Amino acid sequence: MVPTLRASEIEACWHRIVRCEIASAEPCKTRTLIFPIGVWREICFLVLTMKLIRRTTFSRMKLRLARLYGPEMAEELADRLYMLIGRYGVQPRDGYEMGADAINWTEQDVVLITYGDMIRRKGEKPLATLKNFCDRRLRDAINGVHILPFSPSSSDGGFSVIDYREVEPALGGWNEVQRIGRDYKLMVDLVLNHCSRESEWFQNYVRGIAPYDRYFIEEEPGQEWLKDVTRPRPHDLLSPTETPEGLKHIWTTFSADQVDVNWESPDVLFDFLDILLDYVARGAKIVRLDAVAFLWKKKDTNCIHLPETHEVIKLFRDVLRTVAPHVILLTETNVPHEENISYFGEGDEAQMVYQFALPPLLLHALLKGDSQYLQKWASGLGDLPEGCSYFNFTASHDGVGVRPLSGLIPESERDWMIERVKERDGLVSYRAMPDGSQSPYEMNVTYRSALEVIGNPELGARRFICSQAVMLAMAGIPGIYFHSIVGEHNWTEGPQREGGERRDINRRRLSWREVEELLDDPEGESGWIANVYASMLRVRRSCSAFHPDAGQDIIPTAGNLFAILRTSLDSERKVLCVFNFAEAEEPLDQAWVTEILGHEPTRNLLRRKRKLDSTDWNLGGYECVWFE
């Protein structure tokens, strides 16, 4: 067994080796620790690691550890962090200083969001089927794939993880995951707020086995301060659990099966750092930090967005700057907008955050035929810290969150939208409030069904495409849920199945044959949506004005219109995107367009023809143009 050495001991030993103070035939000694010559190579590598890590970076990491666990533990934990980084290796990239980021996103970046088994084909592992589908249907439309949790899980669509280091055998294995990662930018979930009751961690906790006896949070029910804890769900915060020491009440933010881990234990931190770096070693380019806002718990607080939570993310960022500076951290914080963007920090935290306000604001604007609230919000987004961007989306495996609307639209408008979604067979999930009441948390519906024009499905499909064109035009990196690619409607049978839940309404799995038939039907809505969507993606990926960092200006318009001006980083290309949010036709003023662009437009990028004609200047119901 290799002895555990402090970083200072390793470096001192290395200097003795270099000065030939230790004969090559003798074992190396430092204090009372003895290890064989065969360990020298590892020592050399670890010392090289220490030499490569910038002193300022390491000092910053050590300071973060002190803030989290106290100055008295910082030295020991810093040594432990050295060892962990040494195991995975320091990987400077050409042209980048160690400790700096190496992010190189472009307008080419588009991420497909999907479960590993969204498409199934007989005789083939679902992850292999997913890869084949992307290669065949989406190769020129996307360059990234977000595989939603693919580890063994006991509930919540994969988000109750049993074993973080394994792939669910029914989906495939690490080979299939890594094959996707070789051809596409791989995005994975780090579910770090909670794990499954069936996990080895929790089973060891129940048995009282160290260090897992400190991996979970015990509280006595009935304490007054617990009423102020921010809740995303309506069930009880604490779940009873039998242990050898008697009945314990364990913190469970999301469900009784999803047990919150105790980040006050440094062992939890190092387990997750190891898992994070393992994912990176297996090809992850984007790491989504699931439900990270709830990470740290502290008595007499609301237990959301605590300073320690931000410190953990910053520590992750520092470690990745050292080990894998090209990897992006993406925080999943379904909260009001100002709280959401706090996870950029000062450019030292997450490089991307979900644009959570966009899906409900855009849905409200299109259902209402009035973009006033969307315009006000979008025009106030402001500049981001350097090296940061938004992850834009309209739909995901979850519902359309309404918490991000807080302060952006009146509650009466939110409630009006919820009623319209219910009319389209959507469902609503609720969360518990401190006074014991319940408040809407999300609308469970596919984005296509939410935008249905009742009695006119063709117009509904056009309204859905308009929504996707808005999302693609906005500054940031687009993420597209699988069911949006094919315009999937609500799967109303899903929530009604035994063990079903509201979110299943937009989680239907399809067979390869079903998908092929949908996409190849020349008369079908799904095929039309998929073709138009793929065409928009190809246009977006070929235009530098849609670079994630390119300029974005929201042009004031009448409420039934929405307009975005995008300007490339070199100012050589400008694209004016105009959207009609109403059913009625809307003529556009050519002089207005020319004034905004600074020149007469020569083409509409969304049409294949090269020259403009009268049809480009009269927007039909829910039509859009991208003028250049």
Foldseek 3Di string as FASTA:
>chain_A
DADQDFLVQLVVQVVCVVVVVDPLVDWGDDDHDTDHSVCVVLSVLLVVLVVQADPVLLVLLLVLCCVQANNVCSRVVSRVLSVLCSVLDFDDDPPDRQQAFDADFALQAAEEEAEQQLADEPPDASLQVVLVCCVVAPLLQHAAYEHEAQADADDDSNLAHQDLVWGDPSRPGLVSLLVSLVRHQYEYELNQFWHFCNHPLNVCCLAVHPPSVQFWDFDDPPDLLQLLADALAQDDQWDWDQHPVGITTTGDRPDPGTGGTAVSDVVSLVVSLSSVSVVVVSRHQEYEYPPLQQRHDDGNDNSGNDPSSLSSQLSSQSSCSGHPSRHFYEYEDLAADVSQLCQCPLVRGGQEYEPLVLQVLLLLLLVVLFNVLVLVVVQPPDDGHPSHFYAFENDHLAFRFDNRCVPRDDVVSVVVLLVLQVVLVKDWGWIAHSVGDIDTTGIQWDLLSSQADPPCRVLSLLLLVLSVLVRQQDAGHYYYYPCQLQSDGFPNVQQVDVVHNNSRRPRRRYYPVVVCCSCPPPPHSRVVSNVLSSLSSSLSSVDQLRTNNWDWHWDDDGGQKTWIWGAHPVRPDIKIKMWGSFQAKDFADQVVVCVVRVHRFADFSSDPDRGDDRCVRIAHHGRMTITD
